[in-house]
Amino acid sequence: MFNPFYKPLIMGILNITPDSFSDGGRYSDLESAVQQVQKMLREGVDIIDIGGESTRPGADPVPADEQIRRVVPVITAIRQFTDTLISIDTTSSEVAKAAIEAGANMINDVSGGLNDREMLALAAETDVPIILMHSQGSPKTMQDSPYYEDVVREVLEALQLRAAAALAAGVKKENIAIDPGIGFGKRKQDNLDLLAHLEIFVGLGFPVLLGTSRKRFMGSICDVSEPAELVTATAVTTALGVMAGVKVFRVHDVRENRQAADVAWAIRQRG
């Protein structure tokens, strides 16, 4: 799934939530969610990442049964017209299990498997890939004065521990990917330092996912206040990520990032 010799993968974001930071409420009904998936498929998406709980800074947790109510009908509907990879964006093993039974075939856990002790065992049992992300704190509190002495070293060491825990739980090495967690308990300078050293995370030997899409730290650089105005900025980070060896890009805007990734990949292959 994460073949290093194949072009980078574009993961399209589908938030079935009323309060996500950029697109909350836009796809909360089945018809609009299906239409968005069809649009992403036309634009070249490789993975659909579906979440029923906002992970924006300050967001409150959503009970597992409500997440399931939001995401399972959408996954079931998508499986009627495509076999494209579907990732379930959740920190709950209960939600992940229901999503996999409905047709999802990947787990994206922003807690790195720390929020629910059953998550890694579920990934091993179901033999699905799992993306382990780094976050300092929960979405509710993560931007309350985050601090690092050496963000690259600290995030790297934390992800090494989470990958080791996944292996110990029986998850196959080829089913593990890591994510440095841009914007999750990070200051602006921390995000920039992580982006400047992506090759160090690639060097761990696990596929790396990058999620910068429309994030506010770029708005402060570009003097932009609306997340939807950060499409170009996001595409720049996608191109830089490809050159560093990143394999998966989680984005709101598929077409623009597909183009950025494909051009960067063509250049990288010449190097």
Protein backbone atom coordinates (compact mmCIF):
# COMPACT_ATOMS: atom_id res chain seq x y z
CA MET A 1 0.00 0.00 0.00
CA PHE A 2 2.87 2.38 0.81
CA ASN A 3 5.26 1.22 -1.93
CA PRO A 4 8.25 3.61 -1.85
CA PHE A 5 8.69 3.26 -5.61
CA TYR A 6 5.11 4.33 -6.37
CA LYS A 7 3.97 7.93 -6.59
CA PRO A 8 2.82 9.65 -3.38
CA LEU A 9 -0.75 9.12 -2.25
CA ILE A 10 -3.34 11.85 -1.81
CA MET A 11 -5.70 11.35 1.13
CA GLY A 12 -8.88 13.42 0.81
CA ILE A 13 -10.49 14.74 3.99
CA LEU A 14 -14.20 14.07 4.55
CA ASN A 15 -15.33 15.45 7.90
CA ILE A 16 -18.82 14.27 8.87
CA THR A 17 -18.91 16.86 11.64
CA PRO A 18 -20.64 20.15 12.44
CA ASP A 19 -17.52 21.83 13.83
CA SER A 20 -14.32 20.97 11.94
CA PHE A 21 -12.10 24.02 11.53
CA SER A 22 -12.34 24.41 7.73
CA ASP A 23 -15.31 22.42 6.44
CA GLY A 24 -17.47 21.71 9.47
CA GLY A 25 -21.10 21.11 8.55
CA ARG A 26 -20.53 20.98 4.79
CA TYR A 27 -20.82 17.20 4.48
CA SER A 28 -22.95 16.23 7.46
CA ASP A 29 -25.75 14.75 5.33
CA LEU A 30 -25.34 11.62 3.23
CA GLU A 31 -26.01 13.21 -0.15
CA SER A 32 -23.44 16.00 0.21
CA ALA A 33 -20.86 13.54 1.58
CA VAL A 34 -21.29 11.19 -1.39
CA GLN A 35 -21.09 14.09 -3.85
CA GLN A 36 -17.84 15.25 -2.25
CA VAL A 37 -16.36 11.75 -2.51
CA GLN A 38 -17.30 11.56 -6.18
CA LYS A 39 -15.64 14.93 -6.76
CA MET A 40 -12.47 13.79 -5.01
CA LEU A 41 -12.41 10.61 -7.09
CA ARG A 42 -12.60 12.67 -10.29
CA GLU A 43 -9.69 14.78 -9.03
CA GLY A 44 -7.39 11.82 -8.40
CA VAL A 45 -7.74 10.96 -4.72
CA ASP A 46 -6.17 7.70 -3.49
CA ILE A 47 -7.62 7.45 0.03
CA ILE A 48 -10.81 8.89 1.54
CA ASP A 49 -10.26 9.81 5.22
CA ILE A 50 -13.61 9.90 7.02
CA GLY A 51 -14.01 11.31 10.51
CA GLY A 52 -16.99 11.85 12.79
CA GLU A 53 -15.17 13.88 15.44
CA SER A 54 -13.47 17.25 15.00
CA THR A 55 -9.83 17.40 16.07
CA ARG A 56 -9.50 21.18 15.68
CA PRO A 57 -7.90 23.01 18.62
CA GLY A 58 -10.42 23.34 21.45
CA ALA A 59 -12.79 20.68 20.14
CA ASP A 60 -14.78 18.61 22.60
CA PRO A 61 -14.68 14.80 22.33
CA VAL A 62 -17.59 13.04 20.59
CA PRO A 63 -18.99 9.77 22.03
CA ALA A 64 -18.25 6.63 20.03
CA ASP A 65 -21.91 5.91 19.30
CA GLU A 66 -22.37 9.37 17.77
CA GLN A 67 -19.23 8.99 15.66
CA ILE A 68 -20.54 5.64 14.43
CA ARG A 69 -23.93 7.16 13.61
CA ARG A 70 -22.19 9.80 11.52
CA VAL A 71 -19.63 7.76 9.61
CA VAL A 72 -20.98 4.24 9.05
CA PRO A 73 -23.83 5.22 6.65
CA VAL A 74 -21.34 7.26 4.61
CA ILE A 75 -18.84 4.40 4.38
CA THR A 76 -21.62 1.99 3.41
CA ALA A 77 -22.83 4.36 0.69
CA ILE A 78 -19.33 4.91 -0.71
CA ARG A 79 -18.78 1.17 -0.94
CA GLN A 80 -21.73 0.99 -3.34
CA PHE A 81 -19.76 2.75 -6.10
CA THR A 82 -16.01 2.52 -5.42
CA ASP A 83 -13.39 0.24 -3.90
CA THR A 84 -11.04 3.19 -3.23
CA LEU A 85 -9.25 2.96 0.09
CA ILE A 86 -11.20 4.37 3.03
CA SER A 87 -9.51 5.46 6.22
CA ILE A 88 -11.40 5.98 9.47
CA ASP A 89 -10.14 9.01 11.38
CA THR A 90 -10.77 8.17 15.04
CA THR A 91 -9.05 7.50 18.34
CA SER A 92 -11.76 5.01 19.38
CA SER A 93 -11.34 1.29 18.70
CA GLU A 94 -15.13 0.91 18.88
CA VAL A 95 -15.57 3.41 16.05
CA ALA A 96 -12.70 1.91 14.07
CA LYS A 97 -14.16 -1.59 14.37
CA ALA A 98 -17.60 -0.45 13.17
CA ALA A 99 -16.03 1.45 10.28
CA ILE A 100 -13.93 -1.53 9.20
CA GLU A 101 -16.99 -3.77 9.31
CA ALA A 102 -18.77 -1.23 7.06
CA GLY A 103 -15.94 -1.23 4.52
CA ALA A 104 -13.08 0.97 5.78
CA ASN A 105 -9.63 -0.53 5.34
CA MET A 106 -7.28 1.79 7.24
CA ILE A 107 -7.13 3.52 10.65
CA ASN A 108 -5.92 7.09 11.15
CA ASP A 109 -5.39 7.66 14.88
CA VAL A 110 -4.33 11.18 15.89
CA SER A 111 -3.49 9.91 19.38
CA GLY A 112 -1.02 7.36 18.04
CA GLY A 113 -2.94 4.58 19.76
CA LEU A 114 -2.68 6.20 23.18
CA ASN A 115 -6.32 7.23 23.63
CA ASP A 116 -7.71 3.68 23.47
CA ARG A 117 -5.57 0.77 24.59
CA GLU A 118 -7.52 -1.59 22.30
CA MET A 119 -6.69 0.30 19.08
CA LEU A 120 -3.36 -1.35 18.30
CA ALA A 121 -4.78 -4.80 19.04
CA LEU A 122 -7.65 -4.06 16.66
CA ALA A 123 -5.25 -3.05 13.89
CA ALA A 124 -3.32 -6.26 14.41
CA GLU A 125 -6.44 -8.42 14.55
CA THR A 126 -8.00 -6.92 11.41
CA ASP A 127 -4.65 -6.66 9.56
CA VAL A 128 -5.31 -3.10 8.39
CA PRO A 129 -2.76 -0.28 8.10
CA ILE A 130 -2.70 2.22 10.94
CA ILE A 131 -1.35 5.77 10.88
CA LEU A 132 0.16 6.79 14.21
CA MET A 133 0.24 10.56 14.72
CA HIS A 134 2.05 12.61 17.33
CA SER A 135 0.07 15.07 19.40
CA GLN A 136 0.94 16.92 22.58
CA GLY A 137 -2.28 16.73 24.58
CA SER A 138 -5.85 16.23 23.37
CA PRO A 139 -7.59 18.42 20.76
CA LYS A 140 -9.36 20.18 23.64
CA THR A 141 -6.09 21.28 25.28
CA MET A 142 -3.29 20.80 22.74
CA GLN A 143 -2.83 24.48 21.90
CA ASP A 144 -2.78 25.58 25.55
CA SER A 145 0.88 26.66 25.69
CA PRO A 146 2.61 23.74 23.92
CA TYR A 147 6.36 23.63 24.49
CA TYR A 148 9.36 21.64 23.25
CA GLU A 149 13.08 21.89 23.92
CA ASP A 150 13.85 20.16 20.62
CA VAL A 151 10.66 19.46 18.70
CA VAL A 152 12.21 17.30 15.99
CA ARG A 153 14.00 15.03 18.46
CA GLU A 154 11.04 14.82 20.85
CA VAL A 155 8.46 14.04 18.16
CA LEU A 156 10.81 11.54 16.52
CA GLU A 157 11.37 9.70 19.79
CA ALA A 158 7.65 9.67 20.57
CA LEU A 159 6.81 8.20 17.17
CA GLN A 160 9.52 5.56 17.57
CA LEU A 161 7.86 4.50 20.83
CA ARG A 162 4.41 4.33 19.24
CA ALA A 163 5.67 2.30 16.29
CA ALA A 164 7.41 -0.08 18.72
CA ALA A 165 4.16 -0.42 20.68
CA ALA A 166 2.28 -1.25 17.48
CA LEU A 167 4.83 -3.90 16.54
CA ALA A 168 4.64 -5.37 20.05
CA ALA A 169 0.85 -5.54 19.70
CA GLY A 170 1.22 -7.61 16.55
CA VAL A 171 0.80 -4.97 13.85
CA LYS A 172 2.90 -5.82 10.80
CA LYS A 173 5.70 -3.37 10.03
CA GLU A 174 4.35 -2.81 6.53
CA ASN A 175 1.01 -1.76 8.08
CA ILE A 176 2.49 1.08 10.14
CA ALA A 177 2.75 4.70 9.00
CA ILE A 178 3.69 7.73 11.10
CA ASP A 179 2.62 11.38 11.14
CA PRO A 180 4.55 14.17 12.93
CA GLY A 181 1.23 15.89 13.68
CA ILE A 182 1.60 19.36 12.21
CA GLY A 183 -0.58 21.74 14.22
CA PHE A 184 -1.39 19.23 16.96
CA GLY A 185 0.10 20.72 20.12
CA LYS A 186 2.67 22.67 18.14
CA ARG A 187 3.68 26.31 17.92
CA LYS A 188 4.32 28.02 14.59
CA GLN A 189 8.09 27.54 14.94
CA ASP A 190 7.58 23.88 15.85
CA ASN A 191 5.57 23.26 12.69
CA LEU A 192 8.23 24.95 10.58
CA ASP A 193 11.03 22.97 12.23
CA LEU A 194 9.20 19.69 11.59
CA LEU A 195 8.60 20.62 7.95
CA ALA A 196 12.26 21.54 7.53
CA HIS A 197 13.36 18.10 8.76
CA LEU A 198 10.82 15.69 7.26
CA GLU A 199 13.60 13.52 5.87
CA ILE A 200 14.55 12.59 9.46
CA PHE A 201 11.09 11.07 9.98
CA VAL A 202 11.27 9.31 6.61
CA GLY A 203 14.56 7.84 7.81
CA LEU A 204 12.77 5.84 10.52
CA GLY A 205 11.73 3.41 7.79
CA PHE A 206 7.98 3.85 8.07
CA PRO A 207 5.87 5.69 5.48
CA VAL A 208 5.22 9.26 6.58
CA LEU A 209 1.90 11.09 6.33
CA LEU A 210 1.86 14.89 6.21
CA GLY A 211 -1.21 16.87 7.21
CA THR A 212 -0.78 20.62 6.73
CA SER A 213 -3.99 21.32 4.84
CA ARG A 214 -5.23 24.92 5.36
CA LYS A 215 -3.64 25.09 8.82
CA ARG A 216 -3.49 28.39 10.62
CA PHE A 217 0.29 28.59 11.09
CA MET A 218 0.56 29.11 7.32
CA GLY A 219 -2.08 31.83 7.49
CA SER A 220 0.13 33.79 9.85
CA ILE A 221 2.95 33.58 7.30
CA CYS A 222 0.77 34.50 4.32
CA ASP A 223 -1.30 37.13 6.18
CA VAL A 224 -4.47 35.18 5.45
CA SER A 225 -7.28 34.63 7.94
CA GLU A 226 -9.58 32.26 6.02
CA PRO A 227 -8.45 28.60 5.88
CA ALA A 228 -9.93 28.19 2.37
CA GLU A 229 -7.42 30.78 1.11
CA LEU A 230 -4.47 28.52 1.99
CA VAL A 231 -4.80 26.06 -0.88
CA THR A 232 -1.63 27.25 -2.61
CA ALA A 233 0.33 27.29 0.65
CA THR A 234 -0.76 23.72 1.31
CA ALA A 235 0.32 22.62 -2.16
CA VAL A 236 3.78 24.10 -1.53
CA THR A 237 4.19 21.93 1.56
CA THR A 238 3.01 18.92 -0.44
CA ALA A 239 5.70 19.48 -3.07
CA LEU A 240 8.36 19.93 -0.37
CA GLY A 241 7.12 16.80 1.38
CA VAL A 242 7.44 14.73 -1.78
CA MET A 243 11.03 15.88 -2.21
CA ALA A 244 11.73 14.80 1.40
CA GLY A 245 10.27 11.32 0.81
CA VAL A 246 6.81 11.70 2.38
CA LYS A 247 4.34 9.17 0.94
CA VAL A 248 0.84 10.32 1.99
CA PHE A 249 -0.68 13.81 2.02
CA ARG A 250 -3.93 14.47 3.90
CA VAL A 251 -5.67 17.40 2.21
CA HIS A 252 -8.98 19.19 1.69
CA ASP A 253 -8.16 20.20 -1.91
CA VAL A 254 -7.41 17.11 -3.95
CA ARG A 255 -6.86 18.50 -7.45
CA GLU A 256 -4.29 21.12 -6.46
CA ASN A 257 -2.32 18.79 -4.22
CA ARG A 258 -2.47 15.93 -6.73
CA GLN A 259 -0.81 18.24 -9.26
CA ALA A 260 1.80 19.44 -6.77
CA ALA A 261 2.65 15.89 -5.73
CA ASP A 262 2.83 14.56 -9.28
CA VAL A 263 5.15 17.32 -10.50
CA ALA A 264 7.41 17.02 -7.45
CA TRP A 265 7.47 13.23 -7.87
CA ALA A 266 8.52 13.55 -11.51
CA ILE A 267 11.35 15.85 -10.44
CA ARG A 268 12.40 13.60 -7.55
CA GLN A 269 12.66 10.62 -9.86
CA ARG A 270 15.23 12.51 -11.93
CA GLY A 271 17.45 13.14 -8.94
